[in-house]
Amino acid sequence: MYIWFDKQGIPIELLTDIPARTGNNSVNTIYAYFDMPDADINYVYLKMEYSDGTTSNDIPMPSSSFVFSSKNISLQDSQDTRKFVNGNLYSGYSVKLTDEQLSISGATKMTIYAMSAANDDDATRLAMGTFTFNIEKSVIASNISDQTQLDLLEEYVATLPFPNLQIIEGNPDDIGTVGITGKIVINKNTWELFEYDGQKWNSLGIIKGTKGDTGEKGDKGDKGDTGRSIWKTNGKELESNSTYSFSDLSLPEGETPRVGDMVLGANKKIYLIVQVDNYEQTFVTDKLYYELLKGDPGTIPTFFIDDKGHLQVQQSENPQFSLGDNGHLIAHYD
């Protein structure tokens, strides 16, 4: 937090940086600059009044020089500082707040005093400013004392899902990729897929091999599995990067969605499925793949699956859609 006091000792600019949060220790720094060249300031301190009505002891702010950086504060594009100049060196006063001084969450009042002397009843108060801010609750449990906040945060992050694949330059063990439970990566050189189970990286196989020489044509084989399918929801609107249940889909009996399939929502938006949990019966959508919009005649691209299971595109003035028994989205044309 940066605070500028004018020549009358009145605060006229306050800029905030890192949010105050219970458990923070030497993270939040208060900087005060007094534009009072004629004032004989010899002692600066602050006091805190917390949301529960208690107050702190006097917290001294030693004199210190600091460089103001606009990168540390939150400004809108159209805003600028009134007094502080980015990159300038200021001779002022500062203090880093401890976890003890940030132990009570809620609305907090902070008052800064600039005095002519310390611990003197006859000292003159040269400047004073009162400010209110919020001390946020920590996201880390406060009743565990045998681990650092970083350890606890890593444990918390490890429980989060990772629906999006990460492309890396080699095998994760060889290049030191950080493993978090559920994280999936692909070696871009070999197209091998890896998943981290909480202790080690496990190979899930190669999803794309290198192109080899063309061999002799063999006998015609049996018809393979159906390719990518497009499923329709039961009137459910869809959004990107969201989790939905299998029950939200109009699925033929015995069919389930797969990674790589597409799903059409009631809002006419099509999304790729990037994660499927057959145990929980849920799937996760990727970013918007396509939106079916009515435009000028001859300008509407429509998608359909041909009898070979391939995704095709066609221009049409009046496409009509239906969902086949096999889960394919079928386009009909006049």
Protein backbone atom coordinates (compact mmCIF):
# COMPACT_ATOMS: atom_id res chain seq x y z
CA MET A 1 0.00 0.00 0.00
CA TYR A 2 1.43 3.38 -1.05
CA ILE A 3 0.22 6.57 0.70
CA TRP A 4 1.09 10.19 -0.20
CA PHE A 5 0.68 12.96 2.41
CA ASP A 6 0.60 16.55 1.17
CA LYS A 7 2.30 19.59 2.73
CA GLN A 8 -0.52 19.96 5.27
CA GLY A 9 -0.05 16.35 6.42
CA ILE A 10 -3.27 15.17 4.74
CA PRO A 11 -3.28 11.93 2.72
CA ILE A 12 -4.28 12.66 -0.88
CA GLU A 13 -3.35 9.43 -2.68
CA LEU A 14 -3.63 5.79 -1.65
CA LEU A 15 -2.65 2.92 -3.96
CA THR A 16 -3.11 -0.72 -3.02
CA ASP A 17 -1.08 -3.68 -4.23
CA ILE A 18 -1.21 -7.19 -2.67
CA PRO A 19 -4.46 -7.99 -0.80
CA ALA A 20 -4.05 -8.36 2.96
CA ARG A 21 -4.88 -11.89 4.10
CA THR A 22 -4.74 -13.67 7.43
CA GLY A 23 -1.59 -15.77 7.63
CA ASN A 24 0.48 -13.41 5.47
CA ASN A 25 3.85 -12.74 7.09
CA SER A 26 6.09 -9.94 5.73
CA VAL A 27 4.06 -9.99 2.49
CA ASN A 28 2.08 -6.74 2.85
CA THR A 29 4.20 -3.57 3.08
CA ILE A 30 2.89 -0.11 3.98
CA TYR A 31 4.80 2.75 2.32
CA ALA A 32 4.22 6.36 3.42
CA TYR A 33 5.68 9.46 1.79
CA PHE A 34 5.34 12.91 3.41
CA ASP A 35 5.64 15.84 0.99
CA MET A 36 6.51 18.08 3.97
CA PRO A 37 10.07 19.41 3.48
CA ASP A 38 9.74 21.91 6.35
CA ALA A 39 8.33 19.45 8.90
CA ASP A 40 10.65 17.98 11.52
CA ILE A 41 9.35 14.40 11.44
CA ASN A 42 11.19 12.13 13.86
CA TYR A 43 8.76 9.29 14.49
CA VAL A 44 6.11 7.58 12.35
CA TYR A 45 3.85 4.74 13.49
CA LEU A 46 0.49 3.16 12.75
CA LYS A 47 -2.28 1.52 14.73
CA MET A 48 -4.83 -1.05 13.58
CA GLU A 49 -8.45 -1.36 14.73
CA TYR A 50 -9.84 -4.77 13.83
CA SER A 51 -13.34 -5.99 12.97
CA ASP A 52 -13.82 -7.46 16.47
CA GLY A 53 -13.17 -4.07 18.13
CA THR A 54 -9.64 -4.83 19.35
CA THR A 55 -6.69 -2.59 18.54
CA SER A 56 -3.02 -3.26 17.95
CA ASN A 57 -0.09 -1.75 19.78
CA ASP A 58 1.79 1.09 18.13
CA ILE A 59 3.57 -0.32 15.05
CA PRO A 60 6.66 1.79 14.26
CA MET A 61 7.40 2.66 10.63
CA PRO A 62 11.18 3.17 10.26
CA SER A 63 12.48 5.64 7.71
CA SER A 64 13.36 3.97 4.41
CA SER A 65 13.86 4.72 0.75
CA PHE A 66 11.69 2.90 -1.79
CA VAL A 67 11.12 2.91 -5.53
CA PHE A 68 7.51 3.19 -6.66
CA SER A 69 6.51 0.64 -9.31
CA SER A 70 3.12 0.81 -11.03
CA LYS A 71 3.44 -2.93 -11.77
CA ASN A 72 2.69 -3.63 -8.12
CA ILE A 73 -0.69 -1.89 -8.09
CA SER A 74 -4.02 -2.37 -9.86
CA LEU A 75 -4.92 0.49 -12.20
CA GLN A 76 -7.55 0.54 -14.93
CA ASP A 77 -6.27 1.31 -18.44
CA SER A 78 -7.77 4.79 -18.27
CA GLN A 79 -6.34 5.56 -14.82
CA ASP A 80 -3.02 6.99 -13.70
CA THR A 81 -1.40 7.97 -10.41
CA ARG A 82 -1.88 11.52 -9.14
CA LYS A 83 1.41 11.92 -7.27
CA PHE A 84 3.57 8.80 -7.35
CA VAL A 85 5.72 8.50 -10.48
CA ASN A 86 6.71 5.09 -11.77
CA GLY A 87 10.41 4.38 -11.21
CA ASN A 88 11.03 7.33 -8.85
CA LEU A 89 12.95 6.90 -5.61
CA TYR A 90 11.21 8.25 -2.49
CA SER A 91 12.59 8.87 0.99
CA GLY A 92 9.76 7.90 3.30
CA TYR A 93 8.71 5.34 5.88
CA SER A 94 7.64 1.71 5.59
CA VAL A 95 6.78 -1.41 7.57
CA LYS A 96 6.06 -5.05 6.65
CA LEU A 97 3.03 -6.37 8.47
CA THR A 98 3.43 -9.66 10.32
CA ASP A 99 0.99 -12.57 10.50
CA GLU A 100 0.21 -11.52 14.08
CA GLN A 101 -0.81 -8.06 12.89
CA LEU A 102 -3.04 -9.68 10.20
CA SER A 103 -4.57 -12.36 12.39
CA ILE A 104 -8.18 -11.08 12.39
CA SER A 105 -10.12 -11.01 9.11
CA GLY A 106 -12.73 -8.43 8.18
CA ALA A 107 -12.99 -4.64 7.82
CA THR A 108 -9.94 -3.00 9.40
CA LYS A 109 -9.14 0.63 10.17
CA MET A 110 -5.51 1.75 10.02
CA THR A 111 -4.30 5.15 11.24
CA ILE A 112 -0.82 6.52 10.46
CA TYR A 113 0.74 9.22 12.65
CA ALA A 114 3.79 11.38 11.93
CA MET A 115 5.21 12.91 15.14
CA SER A 116 7.90 15.40 16.03
CA ALA A 117 9.30 12.97 18.62
CA ALA A 118 8.81 9.43 19.88
CA ASN A 119 7.38 8.52 23.31
CA ASP A 120 6.97 12.15 24.27
CA ASP A 121 3.66 13.47 25.62
CA ASP A 122 4.61 16.93 24.40
CA ALA A 123 5.40 15.75 20.87
CA THR A 124 3.57 17.50 18.04
CA ARG A 125 1.45 15.53 15.62
CA LEU A 126 2.53 16.70 12.17
CA ALA A 127 0.40 14.42 9.98
CA MET A 128 -2.33 11.83 10.37
CA GLY A 129 -4.40 9.68 8.02
CA THR A 130 -7.02 6.99 8.63
CA PHE A 131 -7.72 4.28 6.06
CA THR A 132 -10.00 1.28 5.90
CA PHE A 133 -9.30 -1.99 4.10
CA ASN A 134 -10.33 -5.62 4.28
CA ILE A 135 -8.22 -8.42 5.69
CA GLU A 136 -9.29 -11.50 3.74
CA LYS A 137 -9.59 -14.95 5.25
CA SER A 138 -6.73 -17.25 4.39
CA VAL A 139 -7.38 -20.06 1.93
CA ILE A 140 -5.04 -22.18 4.02
CA ALA A 141 -6.15 -23.98 7.19
CA SER A 142 -4.83 -22.17 10.26
CA ASN A 143 -5.00 -25.13 12.66
CA ILE A 144 -2.06 -27.02 11.13
CA SER A 145 1.32 -26.02 12.48
CA ASP A 146 3.66 -28.71 11.14
CA GLN A 147 3.49 -27.63 7.47
CA THR A 148 4.16 -24.40 5.68
CA GLN A 149 1.45 -22.56 3.80
CA LEU A 150 3.18 -23.51 0.56
CA ASP A 151 2.95 -27.22 1.39
CA LEU A 152 -0.73 -26.87 2.18
CA LEU A 153 -1.39 -24.89 -0.97
CA GLU A 154 0.32 -27.54 -3.09
CA GLU A 155 -1.87 -30.20 -1.47
CA TYR A 156 -4.96 -28.13 -2.24
CA VAL A 157 -3.96 -27.54 -5.86
CA ALA A 158 -3.29 -31.27 -6.26
CA THR A 159 -7.00 -31.94 -5.72
CA LEU A 160 -8.08 -29.73 -8.63
CA PRO A 161 -8.99 -31.30 -11.99
CA PHE A 162 -6.89 -30.68 -15.09
CA PRO A 163 -9.23 -30.98 -18.08
CA ASN A 164 -6.80 -29.44 -20.58
CA LEU A 165 -3.80 -31.26 -22.01
CA GLN A 166 -0.35 -29.71 -21.85
CA ILE A 167 2.13 -30.12 -24.71
CA ILE A 168 5.74 -30.55 -23.52
CA GLU A 169 9.12 -30.91 -25.22
CA GLY A 170 9.97 -34.41 -23.96
CA ASN A 171 9.04 -37.09 -21.44
CA PRO A 172 7.90 -35.47 -18.17
CA ASP A 173 10.47 -37.30 -15.99
CA ASP A 174 13.33 -36.36 -18.31
CA ILE A 175 12.59 -32.62 -18.38
CA GLY A 176 11.38 -32.29 -14.77
CA THR A 177 7.73 -31.50 -15.45
CA VAL A 178 5.94 -30.71 -12.19
CA GLY A 179 3.39 -33.42 -11.45
CA ILE A 180 -0.03 -32.67 -10.00
CA THR A 181 -2.67 -35.36 -9.55
CA GLY A 182 -4.76 -35.75 -12.68
CA LYS A 183 -2.48 -33.65 -14.87
CA ILE A 184 -2.10 -34.95 -18.43
CA VAL A 185 0.73 -34.06 -20.81
CA ILE A 186 1.77 -35.05 -24.33
CA ASN A 187 5.37 -35.40 -25.52
CA LYS A 188 5.21 -33.38 -28.76
CA ASN A 189 8.17 -35.30 -30.19
CA THR A 190 6.75 -38.82 -29.74
CA TRP A 191 3.00 -38.09 -29.16
CA GLU A 192 3.10 -40.22 -26.02
CA LEU A 193 0.41 -39.40 -23.47
CA PHE A 194 1.27 -39.28 -19.72
CA GLU A 195 -0.89 -38.85 -16.59
CA TYR A 196 0.32 -38.06 -13.07
CA ASP A 197 -1.28 -40.24 -10.36
CA GLY A 198 -0.01 -38.25 -7.39
CA GLN A 199 3.31 -40.09 -7.11
CA LYS A 200 4.62 -40.74 -10.60
CA TRP A 201 4.00 -40.20 -14.31
CA ASN A 202 2.29 -43.08 -16.12
CA SER A 203 2.28 -43.59 -19.88
CA LEU A 204 -1.20 -43.90 -21.39
CA GLY A 205 0.14 -44.86 -24.82
CA ILE A 206 1.10 -43.14 -28.04
CA ILE A 207 -1.74 -41.23 -29.67
CA LYS A 208 0.08 -40.47 -32.93
CA GLY A 209 3.02 -42.32 -34.45
CA THR A 210 5.57 -41.16 -36.99
CA LYS A 211 4.70 -41.71 -40.63
CA GLY A 212 6.31 -44.81 -42.06
CA ASP A 213 6.82 -46.17 -45.56
CA THR A 214 3.75 -47.14 -47.55
CA GLY A 215 3.26 -50.90 -47.44
CA GLU A 216 1.49 -53.29 -49.73
CA LYS A 217 -2.27 -53.07 -49.88
CA GLY A 218 -3.82 -55.76 -47.74
CA ASP A 219 -7.17 -57.43 -47.66
CA LYS A 220 -10.21 -55.39 -46.75
CA GLY A 221 -10.77 -55.58 -43.01
CA ASP A 222 -13.88 -55.50 -40.90
CA LYS A 223 -15.65 -52.22 -40.40
CA GLY A 224 -14.07 -50.33 -37.50
CA ASP A 225 -15.63 -48.44 -34.64
CA THR A 226 -17.69 -45.36 -35.32
CA GLY A 227 -15.59 -42.21 -35.48
CA ARG A 228 -16.28 -38.92 -33.76
CA SER A 229 -19.92 -38.52 -32.69
CA ILE A 230 -22.04 -35.43 -32.08
CA TRP A 231 -24.44 -35.78 -29.16
CA LYS A 232 -27.45 -33.60 -28.42
CA THR A 233 -28.52 -32.43 -24.96
CA ASN A 234 -31.95 -32.85 -23.39
CA GLY A 235 -32.70 -29.13 -23.76
CA LYS A 236 -29.57 -28.20 -21.75
CA GLU A 237 -27.59 -25.08 -22.70
CA LEU A 238 -23.82 -25.56 -22.65
CA GLU A 239 -20.83 -23.38 -21.83
CA SER A 240 -17.08 -23.85 -22.34
CA ASN A 241 -14.81 -25.45 -19.74
CA SER A 242 -17.76 -26.82 -17.78
CA THR A 243 -18.72 -30.23 -16.37
CA TYR A 244 -22.01 -31.94 -17.25
CA SER A 245 -23.68 -35.28 -16.55
CA PHE A 246 -24.29 -38.08 -19.07
CA SER A 247 -27.97 -37.66 -18.15
CA ASP A 248 -27.89 -34.23 -19.84
CA LEU A 249 -27.44 -36.00 -23.21
CA SER A 250 -29.86 -37.86 -25.47
CA LEU A 251 -27.84 -41.06 -25.56
CA PRO A 252 -28.96 -44.29 -27.28
CA GLU A 253 -29.04 -47.28 -24.96
CA GLY A 254 -25.56 -48.62 -24.26
CA GLU A 255 -23.79 -45.56 -25.71
CA THR A 256 -21.49 -43.18 -23.79
CA PRO A 257 -19.63 -40.04 -24.92
CA ARG A 258 -15.90 -40.23 -25.57
CA VAL A 259 -13.04 -37.74 -25.55
CA GLY A 260 -13.02 -36.10 -28.98
CA ASP A 261 -16.79 -36.34 -29.48
CA MET A 262 -18.80 -33.15 -29.91
CA VAL A 263 -21.96 -32.08 -28.10
CA LEU A 264 -24.72 -29.74 -29.32
CA GLY A 265 -26.49 -27.68 -26.65
CA ALA A 266 -29.95 -26.14 -26.65
CA ASN A 267 -28.26 -22.77 -27.24
CA LYS A 268 -27.05 -24.08 -30.65
CA LYS A 269 -23.43 -24.13 -29.51
CA ILE A 270 -21.14 -27.07 -30.30
CA TYR A 271 -18.27 -28.01 -27.97
CA LEU A 272 -15.56 -30.66 -28.06
CA ILE A 273 -15.50 -33.12 -25.15
CA VAL A 274 -12.01 -33.06 -23.61
CA GLN A 275 -12.54 -35.22 -20.51
CA VAL A 276 -14.85 -38.12 -19.67
CA ASP A 277 -15.34 -39.76 -16.28
CA ASN A 278 -17.26 -43.01 -16.84
CA TYR A 279 -17.37 -43.71 -13.10
CA GLU A 280 -18.92 -40.35 -12.18
CA GLN A 281 -20.87 -40.31 -15.49
CA THR A 282 -19.65 -36.80 -16.32
CA PHE A 283 -17.89 -35.04 -19.18
CA VAL A 284 -16.03 -31.71 -19.58
CA THR A 285 -16.42 -29.30 -22.51
CA ASP A 286 -13.59 -27.41 -24.20
CA LYS A 287 -13.81 -23.88 -25.60
CA LEU A 288 -16.58 -23.12 -28.12
CA TYR A 289 -16.06 -25.18 -31.32
CA TYR A 290 -18.89 -23.83 -33.46
CA GLU A 291 -22.16 -21.94 -33.06
CA LEU A 292 -25.13 -22.58 -35.36
CA LEU A 293 -26.33 -19.15 -36.45
CA LYS A 294 -28.84 -18.23 -39.18
CA GLY A 295 -27.18 -15.87 -41.67
CA ASP A 296 -27.75 -14.65 -45.19
CA PRO A 297 -28.70 -17.32 -47.80
CA GLY A 298 -25.73 -19.25 -49.08
CA THR A 299 -23.46 -18.26 -46.17
CA ILE A 300 -24.31 -20.93 -43.57
CA PRO A 301 -21.67 -23.66 -43.09
CA THR A 302 -23.27 -26.85 -41.76
CA PHE A 303 -21.55 -29.96 -40.45
CA PHE A 304 -22.64 -33.58 -40.79
CA ILE A 305 -21.22 -37.09 -40.46
CA ASP A 306 -21.08 -39.19 -43.64
CA ASP A 307 -21.64 -42.94 -43.82
CA LYS A 308 -17.93 -43.50 -43.19
CA GLY A 309 -18.00 -41.63 -39.89
CA HIS A 310 -16.16 -38.59 -41.27
CA LEU A 311 -17.03 -35.02 -40.29
CA GLN A 312 -18.06 -33.06 -43.41
CA VAL A 313 -19.03 -29.42 -44.08
CA GLN A 314 -21.52 -28.08 -46.65
CA GLN A 315 -22.93 -24.66 -47.59
CA SER A 316 -26.73 -24.46 -47.58
CA GLU A 317 -29.49 -21.89 -47.45
CA ASN A 318 -31.94 -23.89 -45.34
CA PRO A 319 -30.26 -26.72 -43.43
CA GLN A 320 -32.43 -28.81 -41.12
CA PHE A 321 -30.86 -30.97 -38.40
CA SER A 322 -31.85 -34.21 -36.70
CA LEU A 323 -30.07 -36.64 -34.38
CA GLY A 324 -29.71 -40.20 -35.69
CA ASP A 325 -30.08 -43.34 -33.62
CA ASN A 326 -26.29 -43.73 -33.63
CA GLY A 327 -25.80 -40.30 -32.04
CA HIS A 328 -24.76 -38.58 -35.27
CA LEU A 329 -25.99 -35.09 -36.11
CA ILE A 330 -27.56 -35.31 -39.58
CA ALA A 331 -28.10 -32.30 -41.89
CA HIS A 332 -31.00 -32.37 -44.35
CA TYR A 333 -31.19 -30.03 -47.32
CA ASP A 334 -34.13 -28.84 -49.42
